[in-house]
Amino acid sequence: MTVRAAVIGCGDVSSVHFGAIAKLDDVELVAVCDTDPGRLAAAVASYGVPGFPDHLSLLARLRPDVVHISTPHSEHASLAADCLERGVNVIVEKPLAHTLAEGHRLVEAAAGSSAKIAVCFQNRYNATAQAMHALLRSGALGAVQGASATVMWQRSAGYYQNRPWRGSWAGGGGGLMMNQAIHTVDLLQWLMGDVVSLSGNASTRFLAGAIEVEDTAEFVAEHAGGARSAFYATLANAVNAPVTLDIVTERATLSLRGDLTVTHQDGSVEVVPERLAESGGRAYWGVSHELLIADFYARLGEDGPFWIDPSEAAKSLRIVKELYRQSYPELRDTVR
């Protein structure tokens, strides 16, 4: 049976969703949706399917089986909830939502729906991340002692001028931590365990005047198992350097620098290479969007929620929002 898919939001990251849909057997793109007339017309011309300026008319007229949502952050929760309430399955880009309240709304909508929903934390599907998770969960490396992670990237004022919502609290729900570094935050808590306490700071060191949100952040977190992690991220770097993630255990050190290097206490070393990106997306989007999307479609007939659902995605959102709470007390509800 052919599964009918639609894409809501035809901006930058939608390209990986269109590419993934095209590669799946028995999945047919039936519609696109965007509030911007130019982007909508371009998508209709490119993919030869009907276009809709609003999602409710799309849902009412075509009732797709799966909707992909790749819109500004502030629209994620409301769009996804509308789909779930109608029994339509959803794949939504990260973050879960732009506020904690909207995130909670989507968690409840997912719990009350017969439809499935996935949140795009695709880096969990990376070969290196899967290997790290398996090694740590096996117990073969002993107890986890601590971790550190960095995201040393570059964004210009023009990046934000091109899409103004990215640099605003109202549109993005935050800056660097919501739009770039949240993937690494997600990996850190997935590998190390739930964050039970956090102390940190977010600030604008480089793009003041261009954005109202942060471009640099750091924190120290305590995890449920008793280990500690240190995190640093900035958009002031000269280039988009590889994300780093180091985890120290009793018997080995795991170092992620593109590929994964595992250095054992006995001196032996093993390397897990990362896959090369197969989609037409930007390198910093990672290599595993297509794997997540294909896995979601493969599991549509299974009972229970998808494994990266709103409840799981809410963990990284809470970490980021706690950092904002500590960093911007004067803004209160604006950053929450």
Protein backbone atom coordinates (compact mmCIF):
# COMPACT_ATOMS: atom_id res chain seq x y z
CA MET A 1 0.00 0.00 0.00
CA THR A 2 1.31 3.44 -0.93
CA VAL A 3 1.81 5.88 1.95
CA ARG A 4 0.85 9.45 1.05
CA ALA A 5 3.19 12.18 2.33
CA ALA A 6 3.04 15.98 2.45
CA VAL A 7 5.63 18.60 3.39
CA ILE A 8 4.69 21.72 5.34
CA GLY A 9 7.41 24.36 5.14
CA CYS A 10 9.44 24.48 1.91
CA GLY A 11 12.49 26.38 3.16
CA ASP A 12 16.08 25.29 3.54
CA VAL A 13 15.93 22.01 5.46
CA SER A 14 12.90 20.75 3.51
CA SER A 15 15.34 19.60 0.81
CA VAL A 16 16.44 16.62 2.89
CA HIS A 17 12.83 15.64 3.52
CA PHE A 18 11.94 15.82 -0.17
CA GLY A 19 15.06 13.81 -0.97
CA ALA A 20 14.27 11.15 1.63
CA ILE A 21 10.67 10.78 0.46
CA ALA A 22 11.82 10.35 -3.15
CA LYS A 23 14.08 7.44 -2.16
CA LEU A 24 11.41 5.47 -0.32
CA ASP A 25 9.48 2.76 -2.13
CA ASP A 26 5.71 2.90 -1.62
CA VAL A 27 5.82 6.52 -0.38
CA GLU A 28 4.28 9.20 -2.60
CA LEU A 29 4.55 12.96 -2.17
CA VAL A 30 1.01 14.30 -2.64
CA ALA A 31 1.19 17.96 -1.51
CA VAL A 32 3.33 20.83 -0.31
CA CYS A 33 2.43 23.76 1.92
CA ASP A 34 4.06 27.11 2.66
CA THR A 35 2.77 30.52 3.69
CA ASP A 36 5.35 32.21 1.44
CA PRO A 37 3.93 32.40 -2.11
CA GLY A 38 7.36 32.29 -3.75
CA ARG A 39 8.56 29.21 -1.89
CA LEU A 40 5.21 27.50 -2.44
CA ALA A 41 5.26 28.16 -6.18
CA ALA A 42 8.83 26.90 -6.44
CA ALA A 43 7.97 23.68 -4.60
CA VAL A 44 4.89 23.06 -6.75
CA ALA A 45 6.98 23.54 -9.88
CA SER A 46 9.78 21.29 -8.61
CA TYR A 47 7.67 18.38 -7.37
CA GLY A 48 4.54 18.58 -9.52
CA VAL A 49 2.06 18.26 -6.67
CA PRO A 50 -0.73 20.53 -5.38
CA GLY A 51 0.32 23.43 -3.17
CA PHE A 52 -1.54 24.90 -0.20
CA PRO A 53 -0.98 28.23 1.57
CA ASP A 54 -2.26 26.85 4.88
CA HIS A 55 -2.03 23.45 6.50
CA LEU A 56 -5.68 23.10 7.52
CA SER A 57 -6.88 23.21 3.92
CA LEU A 58 -4.25 20.62 3.01
CA LEU A 59 -5.35 18.31 5.79
CA ALA A 60 -9.04 18.75 4.98
CA ARG A 61 -8.72 18.16 1.24
CA LEU A 62 -6.05 15.48 0.96
CA ARG A 63 -5.72 13.81 4.39
CA PRO A 64 -2.12 12.57 3.91
CA ASP A 65 -0.83 9.64 5.93
CA VAL A 66 2.37 11.44 7.01
CA VAL A 67 3.18 15.14 7.23
CA HIS A 68 6.75 16.45 7.38
CA ILE A 69 7.03 19.78 9.22
CA SER A 70 10.07 21.95 8.44
CA THR A 71 8.88 25.41 9.45
CA PRO A 72 10.18 28.05 11.89
CA HIS A 73 10.40 26.74 15.44
CA SER A 74 7.43 28.74 16.71
CA GLU A 75 5.12 26.81 14.37
CA HIS A 76 6.25 23.27 15.20
CA ALA A 77 3.92 22.48 18.08
CA SER A 78 0.72 23.98 16.69
CA LEU A 79 1.14 22.40 13.25
CA ALA A 80 2.07 19.00 14.67
CA ALA A 81 -0.81 19.06 17.16
CA ASP A 82 -3.30 19.85 14.40
CA CYS A 83 -2.05 16.84 12.45
CA LEU A 84 -2.09 14.49 15.43
CA GLU A 85 -5.62 15.55 16.38
CA ARG A 86 -6.72 14.41 12.92
CA GLY A 87 -4.90 11.09 13.16
CA VAL A 88 -2.16 12.12 10.72
CA ASN A 89 1.39 10.91 11.44
CA VAL A 90 4.09 13.55 11.80
CA ILE A 91 7.84 13.99 11.29
CA VAL A 92 8.79 17.37 12.75
CA GLU A 93 12.14 19.11 12.64
CA LYS A 94 13.92 19.96 15.89
CA PRO A 95 13.44 21.54 18.34
CA LEU A 96 10.24 20.08 19.73
CA ALA A 97 8.84 23.60 20.23
CA HIS A 98 10.02 27.15 20.86
CA THR A 99 8.69 27.25 24.45
CA LEU A 100 8.26 24.75 27.27
CA ALA A 101 4.51 25.32 27.28
CA GLU A 102 4.21 24.52 23.58
CA GLY A 103 6.45 21.51 24.05
CA HIS A 104 4.19 20.22 26.82
CA ARG A 105 1.19 20.79 24.57
CA LEU A 106 2.75 18.58 21.90
CA VAL A 107 3.66 15.88 24.41
CA GLU A 108 -0.01 15.76 25.45
CA ALA A 109 -1.23 15.81 21.84
CA ALA A 110 1.00 12.84 21.03
CA ALA A 111 -0.20 10.91 24.08
CA GLY A 112 -3.81 11.46 23.07
CA SER A 113 -3.46 10.54 19.40
CA SER A 114 -3.49 7.25 17.54
CA ALA A 115 -0.92 8.70 15.14
CA LYS A 116 2.86 8.53 15.51
CA ILE A 117 5.26 11.45 15.67
CA ALA A 118 9.04 11.67 15.28
CA VAL A 119 11.25 14.63 16.17
CA CYS A 120 14.32 15.02 13.95
CA PHE A 121 17.25 14.34 16.22
CA GLN A 122 18.79 12.47 13.32
CA ASN A 123 22.32 12.44 14.76
CA ARG A 124 21.25 9.57 17.01
CA TYR A 125 21.29 7.50 13.81
CA ASN A 126 24.92 8.36 13.05
CA ALA A 127 27.15 5.27 12.98
CA THR A 128 29.39 6.87 15.59
CA ALA A 129 26.54 7.76 17.95
CA GLN A 130 25.04 4.29 17.65
CA ALA A 131 28.43 2.73 18.43
CA MET A 132 28.96 4.99 21.46
CA HIS A 133 25.50 4.19 22.80
CA ALA A 134 25.98 0.44 22.36
CA LEU A 135 29.41 0.46 24.03
CA LEU A 136 28.22 2.49 27.00
CA ARG A 137 25.08 0.41 27.51
CA SER A 138 26.98 -2.88 27.25
CA GLY A 139 28.86 -2.18 30.48
CA ALA A 140 32.09 -3.47 28.90
CA LEU A 141 33.83 -0.12 29.42
CA GLY A 142 32.94 0.19 33.08
CA ALA A 143 31.28 3.13 34.78
CA VAL A 144 31.05 6.46 32.96
CA GLN A 145 33.15 9.08 34.72
CA GLY A 146 32.48 12.24 32.72
CA ALA A 147 32.13 13.92 29.35
CA SER A 148 32.82 17.10 27.42
CA ALA A 149 31.37 18.47 24.18
CA THR A 150 31.97 21.43 21.89
CA VAL A 151 30.16 23.01 18.96
CA MET A 152 32.53 25.49 17.29
CA TRP A 153 30.60 26.87 14.34
CA GLN A 154 30.23 30.04 12.32
CA ARG A 155 27.17 32.06 11.36
CA SER A 156 27.10 35.55 9.87
CA ALA A 157 24.67 38.42 10.27
CA GLY A 158 23.48 37.63 6.76
CA TYR A 159 22.36 34.16 7.86
CA TYR A 160 19.89 35.83 10.22
CA GLN A 161 18.91 38.60 7.82
CA ASN A 162 17.94 35.92 5.31
CA ARG A 163 15.56 34.31 7.82
CA PRO A 164 14.80 36.89 10.55
CA TRP A 165 12.89 34.42 12.73
CA ARG A 166 16.17 32.63 13.50
CA GLY A 167 17.50 35.57 15.52
CA SER A 168 14.40 36.21 17.61
CA TRP A 169 12.94 34.79 20.79
CA ALA A 170 9.46 34.82 19.28
CA GLY A 171 10.39 32.95 16.10
CA GLY A 172 13.23 30.69 17.17
CA GLY A 173 12.73 30.38 20.91
CA GLY A 174 16.46 31.04 21.24
CA GLY A 175 19.58 31.16 19.12
CA LEU A 176 22.64 28.93 19.00
CA MET A 177 21.32 26.46 21.56
CA MET A 178 17.92 25.99 19.88
CA ASN A 179 19.00 26.07 16.26
CA GLN A 180 22.48 24.51 16.12
CA ALA A 181 23.80 23.07 19.39
CA ILE A 182 20.60 21.31 20.49
CA HIS A 183 21.63 18.26 18.44
CA THR A 184 24.79 17.88 20.53
CA VAL A 185 22.85 18.56 23.74
CA ASP A 186 20.51 15.75 22.72
CA LEU A 187 23.40 13.35 22.08
CA LEU A 188 25.04 14.27 25.37
CA GLN A 189 21.97 13.51 27.47
CA TRP A 190 21.10 10.40 25.40
CA LEU A 191 24.55 8.94 25.95
CA MET A 192 25.21 10.16 29.50
CA GLY A 193 21.74 9.94 31.01
CA ASP A 194 19.13 12.47 32.09
CA VAL A 195 20.39 15.84 33.29
CA VAL A 196 19.38 16.37 36.93
CA SER A 197 21.10 19.74 37.51
CA LEU A 198 22.78 22.36 35.38
CA SER A 199 24.75 25.56 35.82
CA GLY A 200 25.65 27.71 32.85
CA ASN A 201 25.40 30.90 30.86
CA ALA A 202 24.29 32.00 27.40
CA SER A 203 25.19 35.35 25.85
CA THR A 204 25.73 37.28 22.63
CA ARG A 205 29.46 37.72 22.07
CA PHE A 206 29.71 38.12 18.30
CA LEU A 207 26.40 39.03 16.65
CA ALA A 208 25.09 41.74 18.97
CA GLY A 209 23.02 44.12 16.88
CA ALA A 210 22.14 41.40 14.39
CA ILE A 211 20.22 39.09 16.73
CA GLU A 212 18.42 39.31 20.07
CA VAL A 213 19.28 35.73 21.04
CA GLU A 214 22.56 34.06 22.08
CA ASP A 215 25.49 33.10 19.89
CA THR A 216 27.67 31.57 22.65
CA ALA A 217 26.88 29.30 25.60
CA GLU A 218 28.44 27.00 28.19
CA PHE A 219 27.23 24.79 30.99
CA VAL A 220 28.23 22.07 33.45
CA ALA A 221 25.61 19.37 33.98
CA GLU A 222 25.16 16.56 36.48
CA HIS A 223 23.60 13.38 35.10
CA ALA A 224 21.33 10.88 36.79
CA GLY A 225 24.08 8.27 37.01
CA GLY A 226 26.35 10.66 38.92
CA ALA A 227 28.66 11.64 36.05
CA ARG A 228 29.36 15.24 35.07
CA SER A 229 29.60 16.83 31.62
CA ALA A 230 31.02 20.15 30.41
CA PHE A 231 29.66 21.84 27.30
CA TYR A 232 30.75 24.83 25.20
CA ALA A 233 29.31 26.19 21.95
CA THR A 234 29.74 29.33 19.86
CA LEU A 235 28.91 30.75 16.44
CA ALA A 236 31.98 33.02 16.56
CA ASN A 237 34.39 30.42 15.22
CA ALA A 238 36.13 31.06 11.89
CA VAL A 239 34.71 27.87 10.34
CA ASN A 240 32.18 25.12 11.03
CA ALA A 241 34.53 22.78 12.86
CA PRO A 242 33.57 19.16 13.60
CA VAL A 243 31.50 18.69 16.73
CA THR A 244 33.54 17.09 19.50
CA LEU A 245 32.23 14.72 22.15
CA ASP A 246 34.54 12.96 24.58
CA ILE A 247 33.37 10.44 27.17
CA VAL A 248 35.70 8.96 29.80
CA THR A 249 34.89 5.61 31.37
CA GLU A 250 36.74 3.31 33.76
CA ARG A 251 38.29 1.33 30.93
CA ALA A 252 38.34 3.55 27.86
CA THR A 253 38.00 7.02 26.36
CA LEU A 254 35.57 7.63 23.51
CA SER A 255 36.46 10.61 21.29
CA LEU A 256 34.16 11.80 18.55
CA ARG A 257 35.78 13.98 15.86
CA GLY A 258 33.81 13.09 12.76
CA ASP A 259 34.86 9.46 13.20
CA LEU A 260 34.84 7.80 16.62
CA THR A 261 38.10 6.73 18.25
CA VAL A 262 37.90 4.37 21.22
CA THR A 263 41.15 4.19 23.19
CA HIS A 264 41.14 1.32 25.67
CA GLN A 265 43.02 1.21 28.95
CA ASP A 266 45.26 -1.55 27.62
CA GLY A 267 46.43 0.73 24.80
CA SER A 268 44.39 -0.83 22.02
CA VAL A 269 42.52 1.55 19.72
CA GLU A 270 39.50 1.03 17.51
CA VAL A 271 38.00 3.49 15.03
CA VAL A 272 34.36 3.64 13.94
CA PRO A 273 34.09 5.66 10.70
CA GLU A 274 31.11 7.90 10.10
CA ARG A 275 29.03 7.54 6.96
CA LEU A 276 29.31 10.16 4.26
CA ALA A 277 26.27 12.37 3.70
CA GLU A 278 24.07 10.92 0.97
CA SER A 279 21.42 13.64 0.76
CA GLY A 280 21.68 17.06 -0.80
CA GLY A 281 21.64 18.85 2.53
CA ARG A 282 24.32 20.97 4.13
CA ALA A 283 27.15 19.11 5.84
CA TYR A 284 26.30 20.48 9.30
CA TRP A 285 22.83 18.93 9.11
CA GLY A 286 24.49 15.57 9.58
CA VAL A 287 24.29 12.39 7.55
CA SER A 288 21.30 10.59 8.99
CA HIS A 289 18.07 12.44 8.16
CA GLU A 290 17.25 9.80 5.58
CA LEU A 291 17.83 6.97 8.06
CA LEU A 292 15.50 8.50 10.64
CA ILE A 293 12.80 9.18 8.06
CA ALA A 294 13.04 5.68 6.56
CA ASP A 295 12.91 4.13 10.04
CA PHE A 296 9.80 6.15 10.90
CA TYR A 297 7.96 4.93 7.81
CA ALA A 298 9.08 1.35 8.48
CA ARG A 299 7.60 1.51 12.00
CA LEU A 300 4.22 3.02 11.08
CA GLY A 301 2.49 -0.33 11.50
CA GLU A 302 4.02 -1.03 14.93
CA ASP A 303 2.27 -0.50 18.23
CA GLY A 304 3.49 2.25 20.54
CA PRO A 305 5.22 5.58 19.96
CA PHE A 306 8.25 6.20 17.81
CA TRP A 307 11.43 6.08 19.91
CA ILE A 308 12.29 9.79 19.40
CA ASP A 309 8.85 11.16 20.25
CA PRO A 310 7.89 14.45 21.96
CA SER A 311 8.50 13.04 25.44
CA GLU A 312 12.05 12.11 24.44
CA ALA A 313 12.68 15.36 22.54
CA ALA A 314 11.45 17.39 25.53
CA LYS A 315 14.59 16.41 27.44
CA SER A 316 16.91 18.59 25.34
CA LEU A 317 14.35 21.40 25.27
CA ARG A 318 14.25 21.47 29.08
CA ILE A 319 18.05 21.62 29.25
CA VAL A 320 18.22 24.58 26.88
CA LYS A 321 15.39 26.42 28.59
CA GLU A 322 16.96 25.93 32.02
CA LEU A 323 20.14 27.50 30.64
CA TYR A 324 18.07 30.44 29.37
CA ARG A 325 16.30 30.76 32.72
CA GLN A 326 19.65 31.17 34.45
CA SER A 327 21.07 33.49 31.78
CA TYR A 328 18.14 35.84 31.15
CA PRO A 329 16.22 36.34 34.41
CA GLU A 330 15.01 39.73 33.18
CA LEU A 331 13.18 38.13 30.26
CA ARG A 332 11.36 35.52 32.35
CA ASP A 333 8.54 34.00 30.30
CA THR A 334 9.93 35.28 27.00
CA VAL A 335 12.76 32.74 27.01
CA ARG A 336 10.73 29.93 28.55
